[in-house]
Amino acid sequence: MSSNGPRILLIGSTYRAVCVLERLLERGDRVVAFIGLESGAPRSFGPEALELCDRAGIPARSGQKLGEEIVRWLEDRIRPDLAVVLGSANDVPLQIAGNCRLGLIEVLDAELDGRQWRLLPE
């Protein structure tokens, strides 16, 4: 892995999250942890992402709700510089962004429908 660049925490369980994780690893970016958010989506790609993390030696967690245990794990062991959430960040505690030197980025899929942006389903 590259020693330059921010220590990235990736959060998500969509197909897009798996693709982004694969691409970051291919590029040699510093992905230091992955959190799979289990949601009510018809298809979760969390298991695929967890398997990918296991092969790459990246610490990973998965759950329906991000609580104090996850926040403490990030603070004590992982210490990311940047959190990237692929999908909605509504279920991500503000403490996660507050503990990242560069903050949190929320990446949503959307399309321009006439003059309005419309979010695409996960």
PDB file of N, CA and C in Angstrom:
ATOM      1  N   MET A   1       0.825  -1.184   0.000  1.00  0.00           N
ATOM      2  CA  MET A   1       0.000   0.000   0.000  1.00  0.00           C
ATOM      3  C   MET A   1       0.869   1.248   0.000  1.00  0.00           C
ATOM      4  N   SER A   2       0.362   2.273  -0.562  1.00  0.00           N
ATOM      5  CA  SER A   2       1.047   3.557  -0.608  1.00  0.00           C
ATOM      6  C   SER A   2       1.078   4.189   0.776  1.00  0.00           C
ATOM      7  N   SER A   3       2.194   4.837   1.103  1.00  0.00           N
ATOM      8  CA  SER A   3       2.282   5.503   2.409  1.00  0.00           C
ATOM      9  C   SER A   3       1.733   6.920   2.333  1.00  0.00           C
ATOM     10  N   ASN A   4       1.473   7.396   1.134  1.00  0.00           N
ATOM     11  CA  ASN A   4       0.890   8.733   0.965  1.00  0.00           C
ATOM     12  C   ASN A   4      -0.616   8.632   0.868  1.00  0.00           C
ATOM     13  N   GLY A   5      -1.257   9.755   1.070  1.00  0.00           N
ATOM     14  CA  GLY A   5      -2.716   9.773   0.955  1.00  0.00           C
ATOM     15  C   GLY A   5      -3.369   9.512   2.293  1.00  0.00           C
ATOM     16  N   PRO A   6      -4.643   9.847   2.375  1.00  0.00           N
ATOM     17  CA  PRO A   6      -5.359   9.700   3.653  1.00  0.00           C
ATOM     18  C   PRO A   6      -5.660   8.243   3.973  1.00  0.00           C
ATOM     19  N   ARG A   7      -5.827   7.978   5.263  1.00  0.00           N
ATOM     20  CA  ARG A   7      -6.267   6.667   5.749  1.00  0.00           C
ATOM     21  C   ARG A   7      -7.787   6.644   5.590  1.00  0.00           C
ATOM     22  N   ILE A   8      -8.285   5.796   4.683  1.00  0.00           N
ATOM     23  CA  ILE A   8      -9.691   5.832   4.280  1.00  0.00           C
ATOM     24  C   ILE A   8     -10.501   4.754   4.992  1.00  0.00           C
ATOM     25  N   LEU A   9     -11.626   5.171   5.556  1.00  0.00           N
ATOM     26  CA  LEU A   9     -12.652   4.271   6.073  1.00  0.00           C
ATOM     27  C   LEU A   9     -13.770   4.268   5.045  1.00  0.00           C
ATOM     28  N   LEU A  10     -14.115   3.104   4.525  1.00  0.00           N
ATOM     29  CA  LEU A  10     -15.183   2.986   3.529  1.00  0.00           C
ATOM     30  C   LEU A  10     -16.399   2.362   4.198  1.00  0.00           C
ATOM     31  N   ILE A  11     -17.575   2.977   3.987  1.00  0.00           N
ATOM     32  CA  ILE A  11     -18.819   2.509   4.607  1.00  0.00           C
ATOM     33  C   ILE A  11     -19.867   2.302   3.518  1.00  0.00           C
ATOM     34  N   GLY A  12     -20.505   1.127   3.486  1.00  0.00           N
ATOM     35  CA  GLY A  12     -21.572   0.861   2.528  1.00  0.00           C
ATOM     36  C   GLY A  12     -21.749  -0.622   2.301  1.00  0.00           C
ATOM     37  N   SER A  13     -22.850  -0.998   1.687  1.00  0.00           N
ATOM     38  CA  SER A  13     -23.107  -2.418   1.384  1.00  0.00           C
ATOM     39  C   SER A  13     -23.739  -2.602   0.016  1.00  0.00           C
ATOM     40  N   THR A  14     -23.585  -1.624  -0.847  1.00  0.00           N
ATOM     41  CA  THR A  14     -24.161  -1.725  -2.188  1.00  0.00           C
ATOM     42  C   THR A  14     -23.123  -2.294  -3.153  1.00  0.00           C
ATOM     43  N   TYR A  15     -23.571  -2.613  -4.329  1.00  0.00           N
ATOM     44  CA  TYR A  15     -22.652  -3.068  -5.375  1.00  0.00           C
ATOM     45  C   TYR A  15     -21.608  -1.985  -5.639  1.00  0.00           C
ATOM     46  N   ARG A  16     -22.043  -0.725  -5.605  1.00  0.00           N
ATOM     47  CA  ARG A  16     -21.120   0.388  -5.814  1.00  0.00           C
ATOM     48  C   ARG A  16     -20.004   0.374  -4.767  1.00  0.00           C
ATOM     49  N   ALA A  17     -20.334   0.058  -3.514  1.00  0.00           N
ATOM     50  CA  ALA A  17     -19.328   0.016  -2.454  1.00  0.00           C
ATOM     51  C   ALA A  17     -18.270  -1.049  -2.737  1.00  0.00           C
ATOM     52  N   VAL A  18     -18.705  -2.216  -3.207  1.00  0.00           N
ATOM     53  CA  VAL A  18     -17.764  -3.278  -3.540  1.00  0.00           C
ATOM     54  C   VAL A  18     -16.853  -2.838  -4.685  1.00  0.00           C
ATOM     55  N   CYS A  19     -17.427  -2.204  -5.697  1.00  0.00           N
ATOM     56  CA  CYS A  19     -16.637  -1.729  -6.841  1.00  0.00           C
ATOM     57  C   CYS A  19     -15.622  -0.673  -6.423  1.00  0.00           C
ATOM     58  N   VAL A  20     -16.050   0.264  -5.582  1.00  0.00           N
ATOM     59  CA  VAL A  20     -15.139   1.310  -5.112  1.00  0.00           C
ATOM     60  C   VAL A  20     -14.035   0.697  -4.259  1.00  0.00           C
ATOM     61  N   LEU A  21     -14.379  -0.231  -3.392  1.00  0.00           N
ATOM     62  CA  LEU A  21     -13.381  -0.906  -2.567  1.00  0.00           C
ATOM     63  C   LEU A  21     -12.346  -1.609  -3.447  1.00  0.00           C
ATOM     64  N   GLU A  22     -12.808  -2.349  -4.446  1.00  0.00           N
ATOM     65  CA  GLU A  22     -11.887  -3.032  -5.367  1.00  0.00           C
ATOM     66  C   GLU A  22     -10.964  -2.043  -6.071  1.00  0.00           C
ATOM     67  N   ARG A  23     -11.528  -0.938  -6.537  1.00  0.00           N
ATOM     68  CA  ARG A  23     -10.741   0.056  -7.268  1.00  0.00           C
ATOM     69  C   ARG A  23      -9.704   0.731  -6.361  1.00  0.00           C
ATOM     70  N   LEU A  24     -10.100   1.081  -5.137  1.00  0.00           N
ATOM     71  CA  LEU A  24      -9.154   1.696  -4.211  1.00  0.00           C
ATOM     72  C   LEU A  24      -8.003   0.743  -3.904  1.00  0.00           C
ATOM     73  N   LEU A  25      -8.311  -0.530  -3.724  1.00  0.00           N
ATOM     74  CA  LEU A  25      -7.262  -1.513  -3.452  1.00  0.00           C
ATOM     75  C   LEU A  25      -6.340  -1.682  -4.653  1.00  0.00           C
ATOM     76  N   GLU A  26      -6.910  -1.712  -5.859  1.00  0.00           N
ATOM     77  CA  GLU A  26      -6.102  -1.829  -7.079  1.00  0.00           C
ATOM     78  C   GLU A  26      -5.135  -0.657  -7.215  1.00  0.00           C
ATOM     79  N   ARG A  27      -5.609   0.542  -6.871  1.00  0.00           N
ATOM     80  CA  ARG A  27      -4.789   1.749  -6.987  1.00  0.00           C
ATOM     81  C   ARG A  27      -3.745   1.870  -5.881  1.00  0.00           C
ATOM     82  N   GLY A  28      -3.888   1.057  -4.839  1.00  0.00           N
ATOM     83  CA  GLY A  28      -2.945   1.134  -3.729  1.00  0.00           C
ATOM     84  C   GLY A  28      -3.283   2.209  -2.719  1.00  0.00           C
ATOM     85  N   ASP A  29      -4.539   2.674  -2.739  1.00  0.00           N
ATOM     86  CA  ASP A  29      -4.960   3.671  -1.754  1.00  0.00           C
ATOM     87  C   ASP A  29      -5.006   3.039  -0.368  1.00  0.00           C
ATOM     88  N   ARG A  30      -4.913   3.856   0.656  1.00  0.00           N
ATOM     89  CA  ARG A  30      -4.816   3.387   2.035  1.00  0.00           C
ATOM     90  C   ARG A  30      -6.196   3.151   2.649  1.00  0.00           C
ATOM     91  N   VAL A  31      -6.859   2.095   2.251  1.00  0.00           N
ATOM     92  CA  VAL A  31      -8.130   1.710   2.870  1.00  0.00           C
ATOM     93  C   VAL A  31      -7.757   0.998   4.170  1.00  0.00           C
ATOM     94  N   VAL A  32      -8.134   1.594   5.301  1.00  0.00           N
ATOM     95  CA  VAL A  32      -7.736   1.040   6.595  1.00  0.00           C
ATOM     96  C   VAL A  32      -8.858   0.268   7.276  1.00  0.00           C
ATOM     97  N   ALA A  33     -10.095   0.417   6.797  1.00  0.00           N
ATOM     98  CA  ALA A  33     -11.218  -0.328   7.382  1.00  0.00           C
ATOM     99  C   ALA A  33     -12.440  -0.205   6.476  1.00  0.00           C
ATOM    100  N   PHE A  34     -13.334  -1.175   6.643  1.00  0.00           N
ATOM    101  CA  PHE A  34     -14.593  -1.183   5.909  1.00  0.00           C
ATOM    102  C   PHE A  34     -15.710  -1.499   6.893  1.00  0.00           C
ATOM    103  N   ILE A  35     -16.816  -0.779   6.770  1.00  0.00           N
ATOM    104  CA  ILE A  35     -18.008  -1.075   7.564  1.00  0.00           C
ATOM    105  C   ILE A  35     -19.162  -1.311   6.605  1.00  0.00           C
ATOM    106  N   GLY A  36     -19.759  -2.493   6.691  1.00  0.00           N
ATOM    107  CA  GLY A  36     -20.923  -2.827   5.882  1.00  0.00           C
ATOM    108  C   GLY A  36     -22.191  -2.473   6.634  1.00  0.00           C
ATOM    109  N   LEU A  37     -22.969  -1.579   6.071  1.00  0.00           N
ATOM    110  CA  LEU A  37     -24.244  -1.198   6.678  1.00  0.00           C
ATOM    111  C   LEU A  37     -25.343  -2.089   6.133  1.00  0.00           C
ATOM    112  N   GLU A  38     -25.923  -2.895   6.994  1.00  0.00           N
ATOM    113  CA  GLU A  38     -27.032  -3.740   6.574  1.00  0.00           C
ATOM    114  C   GLU A  38     -28.300  -2.904   6.571  1.00  0.00           C
ATOM    115  N   SER A  39     -28.960  -2.866   5.420  1.00  0.00           N
ATOM    116  CA  SER A  39     -30.170  -2.046   5.305  1.00  0.00           C
ATOM    117  C   SER A  39     -31.308  -2.904   4.769  1.00  0.00           C
ATOM    118  N   GLY A  40     -32.424  -2.259   4.504  1.00  0.00           N
ATOM    119  CA  GLY A  40     -33.586  -2.957   3.978  1.00  0.00           C
ATOM    120  C   GLY A  40     -33.550  -3.095   2.473  1.00  0.00           C
ATOM    121  N   ALA A  41     -32.391  -2.854   1.863  1.00  0.00           N
ATOM    122  CA  ALA A  41     -32.276  -2.967   0.412  1.00  0.00           C
ATOM    123  C   ALA A  41     -32.516  -4.412  -0.024  1.00  0.00           C
ATOM    124  N   PRO A  42     -33.070  -4.602  -1.222  1.00  0.00           N
ATOM    125  CA  PRO A  42     -33.373  -5.954  -1.678  1.00  0.00           C
ATOM    126  C   PRO A  42     -32.126  -6.836  -1.796  1.00  0.00           C
ATOM    127  N   ARG A  43     -30.976  -6.253  -2.069  1.00  0.00           N
ATOM    128  CA  ARG A  43     -29.736  -7.040  -2.223  1.00  0.00           C
ATOM    129  C   ARG A  43     -28.603  -6.312  -1.530  1.00  0.00           C
ATOM    130  N   SER A  44     -28.005  -6.957  -0.554  1.00  0.00           N
ATOM    131  CA  SER A  44     -26.851  -6.388   0.141  1.00  0.00           C
ATOM    132  C   SER A  44     -25.593  -7.067  -0.370  1.00  0.00           C
ATOM    133  N   PHE A  45     -24.590  -6.279  -0.648  1.00  0.00           N
ATOM    134  CA  PHE A  45     -23.318  -6.805  -1.119  1.00  0.00           C
ATOM    135  C   PHE A  45     -22.290  -6.812   0.007  1.00  0.00           C
ATOM    136  N   GLY A  46     -22.769  -6.694   1.251  1.00  0.00           N
ATOM    137  CA  GLY A  46     -21.892  -6.719   2.419  1.00  0.00           C
ATOM    138  C   GLY A  46     -21.020  -7.959   2.491  1.00  0.00           C
ATOM    139  N   PRO A  47     -21.586  -9.174   2.299  1.00  0.00           N
ATOM    140  CA  PRO A  47     -20.742 -10.376   2.368  1.00  0.00           C
ATOM    141  C   PRO A  47     -19.595 -10.371   1.353  1.00  0.00           C
ATOM    142  N   GLU A  48     -19.850  -9.885   0.134  1.00  0.00           N
ATOM    143  CA  GLU A  48     -18.796  -9.814  -0.873  1.00  0.00           C
ATOM    144  C   GLU A  48     -17.697  -8.840  -0.441  1.00  0.00           C
ATOM    145  N   ALA A  49     -18.109  -7.702   0.118  1.00  0.00           N
ATOM    146  CA  ALA A  49     -17.132  -6.705   0.577  1.00  0.00           C
ATOM    147  C   ALA A  49     -16.319  -7.253   1.745  1.00  0.00           C
ATOM    148  N   LEU A  50     -16.982  -7.956   2.673  1.00  0.00           N
ATOM    149  CA  LEU A  50     -16.267  -8.528   3.814  1.00  0.00           C
ATOM    150  C   LEU A  50     -15.256  -9.577   3.359  1.00  0.00           C
ATOM    151  N   GLU A  51     -15.612 -10.368   2.362  1.00  0.00           N
ATOM    152  CA  GLU A  51     -14.683 -11.367   1.817  1.00  0.00           C
ATOM    153  C   GLU A  51     -13.481 -10.693   1.161  1.00  0.00           C
ATOM    154  N   LEU A  52     -13.743  -9.632   0.412  1.00  0.00           N
ATOM    155  CA  LEU A  52     -12.676  -8.871  -0.230  1.00  0.00           C
ATOM    156  C   LEU A  52     -11.729  -8.275   0.807  1.00  0.00           C
ATOM    157  N   CYS A  53     -12.292  -7.736   1.881  1.00  0.00           N
ATOM    158  CA  CYS A  53     -11.477  -7.176   2.965  1.00  0.00           C
ATOM    159  C   CYS A  53     -10.640  -8.264   3.631  1.00  0.00           C
ATOM    160  N   ASP A  54     -11.228  -9.424   3.826  1.00  0.00           N
ATOM    161  CA  ASP A  54     -10.510 -10.532   4.444  1.00  0.00           C
ATOM    162  C   ASP A  54      -9.296 -10.918   3.608  1.00  0.00           C
ATOM    163  N   ARG A  55      -9.472 -11.006   2.293  1.00  0.00           N
ATOM    164  CA  ARG A  55      -8.359 -11.353   1.395  1.00  0.00           C
ATOM    165  C   ARG A  55      -7.272 -10.282   1.405  1.00  0.00           C
ATOM    166  N   ALA A  56      -7.678  -9.007   1.570  1.00  0.00           N
ATOM    167  CA  ALA A  56      -6.720  -7.896   1.544  1.00  0.00           C
ATOM    168  C   ALA A  56      -6.145  -7.581   2.927  1.00  0.00           C
ATOM    169  N   GLY A  57      -6.651  -8.252   3.965  1.00  0.00           N
ATOM    170  CA  GLY A  57      -6.154  -7.996   5.314  1.00  0.00           C
ATOM    171  C   GLY A  57      -6.628  -6.675   5.905  1.00  0.00           C
ATOM    172  N   ILE A  58      -7.812  -6.247   5.487  1.00  0.00           N
ATOM    173  CA  ILE A  58      -8.383  -4.983   5.965  1.00  0.00           C
ATOM    174  C   ILE A  58      -9.410  -5.290   7.054  1.00  0.00           C
ATOM    175  N   PRO A  59      -9.308  -4.650   8.219  1.00  0.00           N
ATOM    176  CA  PRO A  59     -10.324  -4.865   9.259  1.00  0.00           C
ATOM    177  C   PRO A  59     -11.700  -4.453   8.754  1.00  0.00           C
ATOM    178  N   ALA A  60     -12.701  -5.269   9.044  1.00  0.00           N
ATOM    179  CA  ALA A  60     -14.054  -4.985   8.561  1.00  0.00           C
ATOM    180  C   ALA A  60     -15.076  -5.378   9.614  1.00  0.00           C
ATOM    181  N   ARG A  61     -16.149  -4.621   9.641  1.00  0.00           N
ATOM    182  CA  ARG A  61     -17.280  -4.895  10.528  1.00  0.00           C
ATOM    183  C   ARG A  61     -18.551  -4.736   9.718  1.00  0.00           C
ATOM    184  N   SER A  62     -19.624  -5.342  10.214  1.00  0.00           N
ATOM    185  CA  SER A  62     -20.909  -5.236   9.545  1.00  0.00           C
ATOM    186  C   SER A  62     -22.005  -5.208  10.594  1.00  0.00           C
ATOM    187  N   GLY A  63     -23.067  -4.452  10.319  1.00  0.00           N
ATOM    188  CA  GLY A  63     -24.182  -4.403  11.244  1.00  0.00           C
ATOM    189  C   GLY A  63     -25.288  -3.506  10.739  1.00  0.00           C
ATOM    190  N   GLN A  64     -26.443  -3.607  11.389  1.00  0.00           N
ATOM    191  CA  GLN A  64     -27.584  -2.780  11.013  1.00  0.00           C
ATOM    192  C   GLN A  64     -27.466  -1.382  11.589  1.00  0.00           C
ATOM    193  N   LYS A  65     -26.804  -1.261  12.725  1.00  0.00           N
ATOM    194  CA  LYS A  65     -26.709   0.032  13.385  1.00  0.00           C
ATOM    195  C   LYS A  65     -25.278   0.249  13.849  1.00  0.00           C
ATOM    196  N   LEU A  66     -24.779   1.444  13.611  1.00  0.00           N
ATOM    197  CA  LEU A  66     -23.431   1.777  14.058  1.00  0.00           C
ATOM    198  C   LEU A  66     -23.528   2.427  15.427  1.00  0.00           C
ATOM    199  N   GLY A  67     -23.101   1.705  16.440  1.00  0.00           N
ATOM    200  CA  GLY A  67     -23.212   2.199  17.806  1.00  0.00           C
ATOM    201  C   GLY A  67     -21.876   2.582  18.395  1.00  0.00           C
ATOM    202  N   GLU A  68     -21.869   2.727  19.712  1.00  0.00           N
ATOM    203  CA  GLU A  68     -20.668   3.144  20.441  1.00  0.00           C
ATOM    204  C   GLU A  68     -19.507   2.175  20.254  1.00  0.00           C
ATOM    205  N   GLU A  69     -19.811   0.881  20.157  1.00  0.00           N
ATOM    206  CA  GLU A  69     -18.743  -0.106  19.995  1.00  0.00           C
ATOM    207  C   GLU A  69     -17.939   0.148  18.722  1.00  0.00           C
ATOM    208  N   ILE A  70     -18.642   0.411  17.619  1.00  0.00           N
ATOM    209  CA  ILE A  70     -17.972   0.691  16.336  1.00  0.00           C
ATOM    210  C   ILE A  70     -17.195   2.002  16.437  1.00  0.00           C
ATOM    211  N   VAL A  71     -17.792   3.022  17.027  1.00  0.00           N
ATOM    212  CA  VAL A  71     -17.126   4.320  17.166  1.00  0.00           C
ATOM    213  C   VAL A  71     -15.841   4.161  17.980  1.00  0.00           C
ATOM    214  N   ARG A  72     -15.901   3.415  19.083  1.00  0.00           N
ATOM    215  CA  ARG A  72     -14.705   3.183  19.914  1.00  0.00           C
ATOM    216  C   ARG A  72     -13.639   2.412  19.151  1.00  0.00           C
ATOM    217  N   TRP A  73     -14.071   1.395  18.390  1.00  0.00           N
ATOM    218  CA  TRP A  73     -13.140   0.617  17.563  1.00  0.00           C
ATOM    219  C   TRP A  73     -12.401   1.529  16.579  1.00  0.00           C
ATOM    220  N   LEU A  74     -13.144   2.436  15.950  1.00  0.00           N
ATOM    221  CA  LEU A  74     -12.518   3.371  15.002  1.00  0.00           C
ATOM    222  C   LEU A  74     -11.558   4.320  15.711  1.00  0.00           C
ATOM    223  N   GLU A  75     -11.968   4.846  16.870  1.00  0.00           N
ATOM    224  CA  GLU A  75     -11.127   5.785  17.620  1.00  0.00           C
ATOM    225  C   GLU A  75      -9.857   5.126  18.138  1.00  0.00           C
ATOM    226  N   ASP A  76      -9.994   3.933  18.720  1.00  0.00           N
ATOM    227  CA  ASP A  76      -8.872   3.284  19.399  1.00  0.00           C
ATOM    228  C   ASP A  76      -7.915   2.552  18.468  1.00  0.00           C
ATOM    229  N   ARG A  77      -8.442   1.932  17.438  1.00  0.00           N
ATOM    230  CA  ARG A  77      -7.597   1.058  16.614  1.00  0.00           C
ATOM    231  C   ARG A  77      -7.374   1.537  15.191  1.00  0.00           C
ATOM    232  N   ILE A  78      -8.382   2.108  14.575  1.00  0.00           N
ATOM    233  CA  ILE A  78      -8.304   2.389  13.141  1.00  0.00           C
ATOM    234  C   ILE A  78      -7.806   3.807  12.859  1.00  0.00           C
ATOM    235  N   ARG A  79      -8.374   4.793  13.512  1.00  0.00           N
ATOM    236  CA  ARG A  79      -8.005   6.204  13.360  1.00  0.00           C
ATOM    237  C   ARG A  79      -7.934   6.653  11.888  1.00  0.00           C
ATOM    238  N   PRO A  80      -9.065   6.581  11.174  1.00  0.00           N
ATOM    239  CA  PRO A  80      -9.057   7.010   9.773  1.00  0.00           C
ATOM    240  C   PRO A  80      -8.946   8.529   9.648  1.00  0.00           C
ATOM    241  N   ASP A  81      -8.414   8.970   8.514  1.00  0.00           N
ATOM    242  CA  ASP A  81      -8.359  10.400   8.201  1.00  0.00           C
ATOM    243  C   ASP A  81      -9.623  10.853   7.502  1.00  0.00           C
ATOM    244  N   LEU A  82     -10.224   9.952   6.736  1.00  0.00           N
ATOM    245  CA  LEU A  82     -11.372  10.288   5.895  1.00  0.00           C
ATOM    246  C   LEU A  82     -12.360   9.136   5.889  1.00  0.00           C
ATOM    247  N   ALA A  83     -13.627   9.436   6.107  1.00  0.00           N
ATOM    248  CA  ALA A  83     -14.689   8.437   5.995  1.00  0.00           C
ATOM    249  C   ALA A  83     -15.448   8.701   4.694  1.00  0.00           C
ATOM    250  N   VAL A  84     -15.649   7.663   3.904  1.00  0.00           N
ATOM    251  CA  VAL A  84     -16.406   7.764   2.658  1.00  0.00           C
ATOM    252  C   VAL A  84     -17.605   6.833   2.783  1.00  0.00           C
ATOM    253  N   VAL A  85     -18.813   7.421   2.726  1.00  0.00           N
ATOM    254  CA  VAL A  85     -20.041   6.645   2.814  1.00  0.00           C
ATOM    255  C   VAL A  85     -20.636   6.546   1.421  1.00  0.00           C
ATOM    256  N   LEU A  86     -20.789   5.315   0.939  1.00  0.00           N
ATOM    257  CA  LEU A  86     -21.398   5.086  -0.368  1.00  0.00           C
ATOM    258  C   LEU A  86     -22.858   4.751  -0.128  1.00  0.00           C
ATOM    259  N   GLY A  87     -23.717   5.723  -0.351  1.00  0.00           N
ATOM    260  CA  GLY A  87     -25.135   5.624  -0.017  1.00  0.00           C
ATOM    261  C   GLY A  87     -25.450   6.695   1.009  1.00  0.00           C
ATOM    262  N   SER A  88     -26.570   6.577   1.639  1.00  0.00           N
ATOM    263  CA  SER A  88     -27.007   7.588   2.598  1.00  0.00           C
ATOM    264  C   SER A  88     -26.217   7.502   3.899  1.00  0.00           C
ATOM    265  N   ALA A  89     -25.840   8.652   4.423  1.00  0.00           N
ATOM    266  CA  ALA A  89     -25.109   8.718   5.686  1.00  0.00           C
ATOM    267  C   ALA A  89     -26.042   8.945   6.868  1.00  0.00           C
ATOM    268  N   ASN A  90     -27.359   8.777   6.668  1.00  0.00           N
ATOM    269  CA  ASN A  90     -28.319   9.008   7.745  1.00  0.00           C
ATOM    270  C   ASN A  90     -28.071   8.135   8.966  1.00  0.00           C
ATOM    271  N   ASP A  91     -27.592   6.908   8.765  1.00  0.00           N
ATOM    272  CA  ASP A  91     -27.387   5.978   9.871  1.00  0.00           C
ATOM    273  C   ASP A  91     -25.960   5.995  10.414  1.00  0.00           C
ATOM    274  N   VAL A  92     -25.151   6.932   9.941  1.00  0.00           N
ATOM    275  CA  VAL A  92     -23.760   7.017  10.390  1.00  0.00           C
ATOM    276  C   VAL A  92     -23.656   8.060  11.500  1.00  0.00           C
ATOM    277  N   PRO A  93     -23.199   7.653  12.690  1.00  0.00           N
ATOM    278  CA  PRO A  93     -23.096   8.608  13.798  1.00  0.00           C
ATOM    279  C   PRO A  93     -22.137   9.766  13.478  1.00  0.00           C
ATOM    280  N   LEU A  94     -22.486  10.954  13.943  1.00  0.00           N
ATOM    281  CA  LEU A  94     -21.647  12.126  13.700  1.00  0.00           C
ATOM    282  C   LEU A  94     -20.260  11.983  14.318  1.00  0.00           C
ATOM    283  N   GLN A  95     -20.121  11.153  15.363  1.00  0.00           N
ATOM    284  CA  GLN A  95     -18.822  10.961  15.990  1.00  0.00           C
ATOM    285  C   GLN A  95     -17.806  10.384  15.004  1.00  0.00           C
ATOM    286  N   ILE A  96     -18.276   9.606  14.034  1.00  0.00           N
ATOM    287  CA  ILE A  96     -17.354   9.039  13.044  1.00  0.00           C
ATOM    288  C   ILE A  96     -16.730  10.154  12.225  1.00  0.00           C
ATOM    289  N   ALA A  97     -17.548  11.067  11.729  1.00  0.00           N
ATOM    290  CA  ALA A  97     -17.014  12.192  10.960  1.00  0.00           C
ATOM    291  C   ALA A  97     -16.143  13.084  11.838  1.00  0.00           C
ATOM    292  N   GLY A  98     -16.564  13.289  13.081  1.00  0.00           N
ATOM    293  CA  GLY A  98     -15.812  14.146  13.991  1.00  0.00           C
ATOM    294  C   GLY A  98     -14.446  13.606  14.348  1.00  0.00           C
ATOM    295  N   ASN A  99     -14.272  12.290  14.262  1.00  0.00           N
ATOM    296  CA  ASN A  99     -12.988  11.680  14.590  1.00  0.00           C
ATOM    297  C   ASN A  99     -12.079  11.514  13.388  1.00  0.00           C
ATOM    298  N   CYS A 100     -12.536  11.918  12.207  1.00  0.00           N
ATOM    299  CA  CYS A 100     -11.719  11.845  10.998  1.00  0.00           C
ATOM    300  C   CYS A 100     -11.155  13.232  10.705  1.00  0.00           C
ATOM    301  N   ARG A 101      -9.853  13.308  10.572  1.00  0.00           N
ATOM    302  CA  ARG A 101      -9.173  14.592  10.348  1.00  0.00           C
ATOM    303  C   ARG A 101      -9.739  15.333   9.133  1.00  0.00           C
ATOM    304  N   LEU A 102     -10.097  14.595   8.091  1.00  0.00           N
ATOM    305  CA  LEU A 102     -10.611  15.209   6.860  1.00  0.00           C
ATOM    306  C   LEU A 102     -12.133  15.136   6.752  1.00  0.00           C
ATOM    307  N   GLY A 103     -12.800  14.561   7.757  1.00  0.00           N
ATOM    308  CA  GLY A 103     -14.257  14.526   7.778  1.00  0.00           C
ATOM    309  C   GLY A 103     -14.852  13.341   7.058  1.00  0.00           C
ATOM    310  N   LEU A 104     -16.081  13.529   6.590  1.00  0.00           N
ATOM    311  CA  LEU A 104     -16.865  12.465   5.970  1.00  0.00           C
ATOM    312  C   LEU A 104     -17.418  12.952   4.641  1.00  0.00           C
ATOM    313  N   ILE A 105     -17.356  12.091   3.652  1.00  0.00           N
ATOM    314  CA  ILE A 105     -17.926  12.375   2.333  1.00  0.00           C
ATOM    315  C   ILE A 105     -19.051  11.373   2.090  1.00  0.00           C
ATOM    316  N   GLU A 106     -20.219  11.877   1.709  1.00  0.00           N
ATOM    317  CA  GLU A 106     -21.370  11.032   1.382  1.00  0.00           C
ATOM    318  C   GLU A 106     -21.506  11.004  -0.140  1.00  0.00           C
ATOM    319  N   VAL A 107     -21.472   9.805  -0.726  1.00  0.00           N
ATOM    320  CA  VAL A 107     -21.564   9.657  -2.175  1.00  0.00           C
ATOM    321  C   VAL A 107     -22.892   8.980  -2.500  1.00  0.00           C
ATOM    322  N   LEU A 108     -23.749   9.694  -3.222  1.00  0.00           N
ATOM    323  CA  LEU A 108     -25.068   9.182  -3.589  1.00  0.00           C
ATOM    324  C   LEU A 108     -25.168   9.048  -5.102  1.00  0.00           C
ATOM    325  N   ASP A 109     -25.880   8.025  -5.566  1.00  0.00           N
ATOM    326  CA  ASP A 109     -26.168   7.890  -6.990  1.00  0.00           C
ATOM    327  C   ASP A 109     -27.406   8.717  -7.300  1.00  0.00           C
ATOM    328  N   ALA A 110     -27.308   9.564  -8.313  1.00  0.00           N
ATOM    329  CA  ALA A 110     -28.435  10.409  -8.698  1.00  0.00           C
ATOM    330  C   ALA A 110     -28.407  10.634 -10.204  1.00  0.00           C
ATOM    331  N   GLU A 111     -29.543  11.062 -10.726  1.00  0.00           N
ATOM    332  CA  GLU A 111     -29.615  11.418 -12.136  1.00  0.00           C
ATOM    333  C   GLU A 111     -30.392  12.723 -12.266  1.00  0.00           C
ATOM    334  N   LEU A 112     -30.082  13.461 -13.300  1.00  0.00           N
ATOM    335  CA  LEU A 112     -30.780  14.715 -13.551  1.00  0.00           C
ATOM    336  C   LEU A 112     -32.048  14.399 -14.330  1.00  0.00           C
ATOM    337  N   ASP A 113     -33.197  14.719 -13.731  1.00  0.00           N
ATOM    338  CA  ASP A 113     -34.498  14.454 -14.330  1.00  0.00           C
ATOM    339  C   ASP A 113     -35.111  15.815 -14.667  1.00  0.00           C
ATOM    340  N   GLY A 114     -34.894  16.258 -15.895  1.00  0.00           N
ATOM    341  CA  GLY A 114     -35.350  17.605 -16.262  1.00  0.00           C
ATOM    342  C   GLY A 114     -34.469  18.624 -15.566  1.00  0.00           C
ATOM    343  N   ARG A 115     -35.030  19.327 -14.582  1.00  0.00           N
ATOM    344  CA  ARG A 115     -34.269  20.330 -13.841  1.00  0.00           C
ATOM    345  C   ARG A 115     -34.008  19.915 -12.397  1.00  0.00           C
ATOM    346  N   GLN A 116     -34.422  18.713 -12.022  1.00  0.00           N
ATOM    347  CA  GLN A 116     -34.272  18.276 -10.637  1.00  0.00           C
ATOM    348  C   GLN A 116     -33.421  17.014 -10.580  1.00  0.00           C
ATOM    349  N   TRP A 117     -32.639  16.919  -9.501  1.00  0.00           N
ATOM    350  CA  TRP A 117     -31.883  15.708  -9.260  1.00  0.00           C
ATOM    351  C   TRP A 117     -32.795  14.703  -8.580  1.00  0.00           C
ATOM    352  N   ARG A 118     -32.693  13.464  -9.003  1.00  0.00           N
ATOM    353  CA  ARG A 118     -33.479  12.389  -8.411  1.00  0.00           C
ATOM    354  C   ARG A 118     -32.516  11.312  -7.952  1.00  0.00           C
ATOM    355  N   LEU A 119     -32.632  10.940  -6.662  1.00  0.00           N
ATOM    356  CA  LEU A 119     -31.775   9.883  -6.132  1.00  0.00           C
ATOM    357  C   LEU A 119     -32.181   8.542  -6.733  1.00  0.00           C
ATOM    358  N   LEU A 120     -31.191   7.757  -7.082  1.00  0.00           N
ATOM    359  CA  LEU A 120     -31.451   6.419  -7.601  1.00  0.00           C
ATOM    360  C   LEU A 120     -31.506   5.438  -6.450  1.00  0.00           C
ATOM    361  N   PRO A 121     -32.313   4.405  -6.556  1.00  0.00           N
ATOM    362  CA  PRO A 121     -32.383   3.418  -5.471  1.00  0.00           C
ATOM    363  C   PRO A 121     -31.054   2.693  -5.326  1.00  0.00           C
ATOM    364  N   GLU A 122     -30.753   2.293  -4.091  1.00  0.00           N
ATOM    365  CA  GLU A 122     -29.508   1.576  -3.851  1.00  0.00           C
ATOM    366  C   GLU A 122     -29.689   0.211  -4.347  1.00  0.00           C
TER     367      GLU A 122
END
